């Protein structure tokens, strides 16, 4: 008998992507895995997986569930990294895909040593405070500020720097 883990190892999806599909479609994880696997077969259908994750982020923000928003933002960033061929933004994407990716990147680096070295520690503290307050709007805004600060630090370091 195959387990969910066995099936996951055969699919081109992460557990977080499957969780996002399952939550969006209100289906069990094994069914979400099968659906996601089928959707990754064509670029048009693969766009639906990305949209499921975006919808999950928006739903988490509406519920003021920062943990879910963070998790799904990271999932989106990883999904687009793993499947760059399906990551082109469409004009109908809502909320703005580049902002969601920025939030995902901010969540990835907020805990890392490069963030502490590259940006004002107050930005990281403010982000942590917004997470603690479960204020997704503030969390999103602060995440974008963090990403802009990191980008500015990257630019000032120049090629081959930091």
C-alpha atoms as a PDB file:
ATOM      1  CA  UNK A   1       0.000   0.000   0.000  1.00  0.00           C
ATOM      2  CA  UNK A   2       1.213   3.496  -0.849  1.00  0.00           C
ATOM      3  CA  UNK A   3       1.273   6.121   1.866  1.00  0.00           C
ATOM      4  CA  UNK A   4       0.795   9.853   1.446  1.00  0.00           C
ATOM      5  CA  UNK A   5       4.582  10.193   1.860  1.00  0.00           C
ATOM      6  CA  UNK A   6       5.163   7.699  -0.998  1.00  0.00           C
ATOM      7  CA  UNK A   7       2.798   9.626  -3.241  1.00  0.00           C
ATOM      8  CA  UNK A   8       4.375  12.932  -2.254  1.00  0.00           C
ATOM      9  CA  UNK A   9       7.798  11.593  -3.222  1.00  0.00           C
ATOM     10  CA  UNK A  10       6.441  10.761  -6.687  1.00  0.00           C
ATOM     11  CA  UNK A  11       4.699  14.098  -7.221  1.00  0.00           C
ATOM     12  CA  UNK A  12       6.334  17.377  -8.174  1.00  0.00           C
ATOM     13  CA  UNK A  13       4.692  19.147  -5.222  1.00  0.00           C
ATOM     14  CA  UNK A  14       5.687  20.035  -1.692  1.00  0.00           C
ATOM     15  CA  UNK A  15       3.636  19.254   1.382  1.00  0.00           C
ATOM     16  CA  UNK A  16       2.852  22.959   1.711  1.00  0.00           C
ATOM     17  CA  UNK A  17       1.554  23.123  -1.870  1.00  0.00           C
ATOM     18  CA  UNK A  18      -0.665  20.137  -1.176  1.00  0.00           C
ATOM     19  CA  UNK A  19      -1.899  21.781   2.023  1.00  0.00           C
ATOM     20  CA  UNK A  20      -2.737  24.941   0.056  1.00  0.00           C
ATOM     21  CA  UNK A  21      -4.643  22.969  -2.583  1.00  0.00           C
ATOM     22  CA  UNK A  22      -6.466  20.923   0.063  1.00  0.00           C
ATOM     23  CA  UNK A  23      -7.485  24.040   1.989  1.00  0.00           C
ATOM     24  CA  UNK A  24      -8.556  25.934  -1.129  1.00  0.00           C
ATOM     25  CA  UNK A  25     -10.619  23.077  -2.529  1.00  0.00           C
ATOM     26  CA  UNK A  26     -11.722  21.704   0.866  1.00  0.00           C
ATOM     27  CA  UNK A  27     -10.525  18.197  -0.003  1.00  0.00           C
ATOM     28  CA  UNK A  28      -8.353  15.613   1.760  1.00  0.00           C
ATOM     29  CA  UNK A  29      -4.571  15.892   1.245  1.00  0.00           C
ATOM     30  CA  UNK A  30      -4.304  12.729  -0.871  1.00  0.00           C
ATOM     31  CA  UNK A  31      -6.963  14.071  -3.255  1.00  0.00           C
ATOM     32  CA  UNK A  32      -5.205  17.461  -3.294  1.00  0.00           C
ATOM     33  CA  UNK A  33      -1.956  15.704  -4.191  1.00  0.00           C
ATOM     34  CA  UNK A  34      -3.630  13.972  -7.135  1.00  0.00           C
ATOM     35  CA  UNK A  35      -5.306  17.192  -8.277  1.00  0.00           C
ATOM     36  CA  UNK A  36      -2.074  19.174  -8.006  1.00  0.00           C
ATOM     37  CA  UNK A  37      -0.126  16.508  -9.868  1.00  0.00           C
ATOM     38  CA  UNK A  38      -2.665  16.633 -12.694  1.00  0.00           C
ATOM     39  CA  UNK A  39      -2.674  20.436 -12.760  1.00  0.00           C
ATOM     40  CA  UNK A  40       1.097  20.615 -13.206  1.00  0.00           C
ATOM     41  CA  UNK A  41       0.854  18.818 -16.543  1.00  0.00           C
ATOM     42  CA  UNK A  42       0.014  21.945 -18.563  1.00  0.00           C
ATOM     43  CA  UNK A  43       1.019  25.573 -18.065  1.00  0.00           C
ATOM     44  CA  UNK A  44      -2.599  26.732 -18.153  1.00  0.00           C
ATOM     45  CA  UNK A  45      -3.648  24.320 -15.418  1.00  0.00           C
ATOM     46  CA  UNK A  46      -0.495  24.967 -13.399  1.00  0.00           C
ATOM     47  CA  UNK A  47      -1.555  28.613 -13.135  1.00  0.00           C
ATOM     48  CA  UNK A  48      -4.513  27.348 -11.087  1.00  0.00           C
ATOM     49  CA  UNK A  49      -2.186  25.923  -8.427  1.00  0.00           C
ATOM     50  CA  UNK A  50      -0.557  29.332  -8.089  1.00  0.00           C
ATOM     51  CA  UNK A  51      -3.975  30.985  -7.896  1.00  0.00           C
ATOM     52  CA  UNK A  52      -5.086  28.532  -5.188  1.00  0.00           C
ATOM     53  CA  UNK A  53      -2.105  29.617  -3.078  1.00  0.00           C
ATOM     54  CA  UNK A  54      -2.796  33.312  -3.733  1.00  0.00           C
ATOM     55  CA  UNK A  55      -6.439  32.791  -2.742  1.00  0.00           C
ATOM     56  CA  UNK A  56      -5.310  31.044   0.455  1.00  0.00           C
ATOM     57  CA  UNK A  57      -3.099  34.031   1.302  1.00  0.00           C
ATOM     58  CA  UNK A  58      -5.989  36.434   0.772  1.00  0.00           C
ATOM     59  CA  UNK A  59      -8.279  34.255   2.915  1.00  0.00           C
ATOM     60  CA  UNK A  60      -5.658  34.132   5.684  1.00  0.00           C
ATOM     61  CA  UNK A  61      -5.337  37.911   5.574  1.00  0.00           C
ATOM     62  CA  UNK A  62      -9.125  38.281   5.793  1.00  0.00           C
ATOM     63  CA  UNK A  63      -9.125  36.006   8.879  1.00  0.00           C
ATOM     64  CA  UNK A  64      -6.175  37.943  10.330  1.00  0.00           C
ATOM     65  CA  UNK A  65      -4.250  34.678  10.499  1.00  0.00           C
ATOM     66  CA  UNK A  66      -0.656  35.847  10.183  1.00  0.00           C
ATOM     67  CA  UNK A  67       0.773  32.352  10.642  1.00  0.00           C
ATOM     68  CA  UNK A  68      -1.261  31.049   7.696  1.00  0.00           C
ATOM     69  CA  UNK A  69      -0.459  34.140   5.650  1.00  0.00           C
ATOM     70  CA  UNK A  70       3.252  33.664   6.331  1.00  0.00           C
ATOM     71  CA  UNK A  71       3.095  29.950   5.552  1.00  0.00           C
ATOM     72  CA  UNK A  72       1.211  30.419   2.286  1.00  0.00           C
ATOM     73  CA  UNK A  73       3.460  33.337   1.262  1.00  0.00           C
ATOM     74  CA  UNK A  74       6.475  31.077   1.746  1.00  0.00           C
ATOM     75  CA  UNK A  75       4.655  28.345  -0.172  1.00  0.00           C
ATOM     76  CA  UNK A  76       4.045  30.723  -3.079  1.00  0.00           C
ATOM     77  CA  UNK A  77       7.673  31.846  -3.145  1.00  0.00           C
ATOM     78  CA  UNK A  78       8.871  28.233  -3.108  1.00  0.00           C
ATOM     79  CA  UNK A  79       6.279  27.183  -5.713  1.00  0.00           C
ATOM     80  CA  UNK A  80       7.458  29.847  -8.142  1.00  0.00           C
ATOM     81  CA  UNK A  81      11.086  28.939  -7.476  1.00  0.00           C
ATOM     82  CA  UNK A  82      10.378  25.239  -8.099  1.00  0.00           C
ATOM     83  CA  UNK A  83       8.182  25.883 -11.138  1.00  0.00           C
ATOM     84  CA  UNK A  84       9.550  29.021 -12.841  1.00  0.00           C
ATOM     85  CA  UNK A  85       7.952  28.000 -16.117  1.00  0.00           C
ATOM     86  CA  UNK A  86       4.540  28.584 -14.522  1.00  0.00           C
ATOM     87  CA  UNK A  87       5.386  31.685 -12.528  1.00  0.00           C
ATOM     88  CA  UNK A  88       4.576  34.478 -14.945  1.00  0.00           C
ATOM     89  CA  UNK A  89       2.195  36.966 -13.423  1.00  0.00           C
ATOM     90  CA  UNK A  90      -1.080  37.542 -15.176  1.00  0.00           C
ATOM     91  CA  UNK A  91      -2.915  40.828 -15.196  1.00  0.00           C
ATOM     92  CA  UNK A  92      -5.822  39.226 -13.324  1.00  0.00           C
ATOM     93  CA  UNK A  93      -3.705  38.075 -10.376  1.00  0.00           C
ATOM     94  CA  UNK A  94      -4.976  39.574  -7.178  1.00  0.00           C
ATOM     95  CA  UNK A  95      -3.515  40.546  -4.826  1.00  0.00           C
ATOM     96  CA  UNK A  96      -0.412  41.678  -6.685  1.00  0.00           C
ATOM     97  CA  UNK A  97       1.874  38.683  -7.194  1.00  0.00           C
ATOM     98  CA  UNK A  98       5.101  40.655  -6.842  1.00  0.00           C
ATOM     99  CA  UNK A  99       3.975  41.893  -3.424  1.00  0.00           C
ATOM    100  CA  UNK A 100       3.103  38.364  -2.311  1.00  0.00           C
ATOM    101  CA  UNK A 101       6.498  37.129  -3.454  1.00  0.00           C
ATOM    102  CA  UNK A 102       8.122  39.969  -1.556  1.00  0.00           C
ATOM    103  CA  UNK A 103       6.240  38.965   1.576  1.00  0.00           C
ATOM    104  CA  UNK A 104       7.398  35.373   1.091  1.00  0.00           C
ATOM    105  CA  UNK A 105      10.997  36.508   0.691  1.00  0.00           C
ATOM    106  CA  UNK A 106      10.740  38.706   3.765  1.00  0.00           C
ATOM    107  CA  UNK A 107       9.447  35.818   5.820  1.00  0.00           C
ATOM    108  CA  UNK A 108      12.349  33.654   4.605  1.00  0.00           C
ATOM    109  CA  UNK A 109      15.029  36.167   5.510  1.00  0.00           C
ATOM    110  CA  UNK A 110      13.519  37.815   8.588  1.00  0.00           C
ATOM    111  CA  UNK A 111      14.960  35.150  10.846  1.00  0.00           C
ATOM    112  CA  UNK A 112      18.268  34.801   9.007  1.00  0.00           C
ATOM    113  CA  UNK A 113      21.607  36.383   9.868  1.00  0.00           C
ATOM    114  CA  UNK A 114      21.796  38.284   6.569  1.00  0.00           C
ATOM    115  CA  UNK A 115      18.662  40.245   7.472  1.00  0.00           C
ATOM    116  CA  UNK A 116      20.037  41.319  10.826  1.00  0.00           C
ATOM    117  CA  UNK A 117      23.244  42.485   9.183  1.00  0.00           C
ATOM    118  CA  UNK A 118      21.582  44.183   6.195  1.00  0.00           C
ATOM    119  CA  UNK A 119      18.713  46.178   7.688  1.00  0.00           C
ATOM    120  CA  UNK A 120      17.812  48.259  10.668  1.00  0.00           C
ATOM    121  CA  UNK A 121      16.929  45.849  13.484  1.00  0.00           C
ATOM    122  CA  UNK A 122      13.825  47.963  14.186  1.00  0.00           C
ATOM    123  CA  UNK A 123      12.284  46.777  10.905  1.00  0.00           C
ATOM    124  CA  UNK A 124      12.650  43.174  12.020  1.00  0.00           C
ATOM    125  CA  UNK A 125      11.295  43.983  15.475  1.00  0.00           C
ATOM    126  CA  UNK A 126       8.299  45.800  13.965  1.00  0.00           C
ATOM    127  CA  UNK A 127       7.590  42.796  11.715  1.00  0.00           C
ATOM    128  CA  UNK A 128       7.737  40.431  14.679  1.00  0.00           C
ATOM    129  CA  UNK A 129       5.419  42.744  16.628  1.00  0.00           C
ATOM    130  CA  UNK A 130       2.884  42.800  13.756  1.00  0.00           C
ATOM    131  CA  UNK A 131       2.983  39.003  13.636  1.00  0.00           C
ATOM    132  CA  UNK A 132       2.394  38.862  17.389  1.00  0.00           C
ATOM    133  CA  UNK A 133      -0.588  41.231  17.071  1.00  0.00           C
ATOM    134  CA  UNK A 134      -1.965  39.066  14.229  1.00  0.00           C
ATOM    135  CA  UNK A 135      -2.127  42.205  12.060  1.00  0.00           C
ATOM    136  CA  UNK A 136      -1.776  40.821   8.548  1.00  0.00           C
ATOM    137  CA  UNK A 137      -2.071  44.202   6.839  1.00  0.00           C
ATOM    138  CA  UNK A 138       0.731  45.645   8.939  1.00  0.00           C
ATOM    139  CA  UNK A 139       2.693  42.429   8.546  1.00  0.00           C
ATOM    140  CA  UNK A 140       2.394  42.626   4.752  1.00  0.00           C
ATOM    141  CA  UNK A 141       3.389  46.306   4.706  1.00  0.00           C
ATOM    142  CA  UNK A 142       6.378  45.708   6.974  1.00  0.00           C
ATOM    143  CA  UNK A 143       7.437  42.668   4.963  1.00  0.00           C
ATOM    144  CA  UNK A 144       7.502  44.792   1.820  1.00  0.00           C
ATOM    145  CA  UNK A 145       9.554  47.443   3.620  1.00  0.00           C
ATOM    146  CA  UNK A 146      11.977  44.736   4.737  1.00  0.00           C
ATOM    147  CA  UNK A 147      12.341  43.425   1.191  1.00  0.00           C
ATOM    148  CA  UNK A 148      12.989  46.933  -0.122  1.00  0.00           C
ATOM    149  CA  UNK A 149      15.632  47.472   2.577  1.00  0.00           C
ATOM    150  CA  UNK A 150      17.263  44.143   1.719  1.00  0.00           C
ATOM    151  CA  UNK A 151      17.231  45.015  -1.992  1.00  0.00           C
ATOM    152  CA  UNK A 152      18.844  48.385  -1.231  1.00  0.00           C
ATOM    153  CA  UNK A 153      21.498  46.644   0.881  1.00  0.00           C
ATOM    154  CA  UNK A 154      22.114  44.156  -1.960  1.00  0.00           C
ATOM    155  CA  UNK A 155      22.504  47.034  -4.458  1.00  0.00           C
ATOM    156  CA  UNK A 156      24.895  48.937  -2.234  1.00  0.00           C
ATOM    157  CA  UNK A 157      26.994  45.801  -1.734  1.00  0.00           C
ATOM    158  CA  UNK A 158      27.339  45.531  -5.506  1.00  0.00           C
ATOM    159  CA  UNK A 159      28.229  42.406  -7.480  1.00  0.00           C
ATOM    160  CA  UNK A 160      29.965  39.790  -5.427  1.00  0.00           C
ATOM    161  CA  UNK A 161      29.281  41.690  -2.201  1.00  0.00           C
ATOM    162  CA  UNK A 162      27.529  40.522   0.976  1.00  0.00           C
END
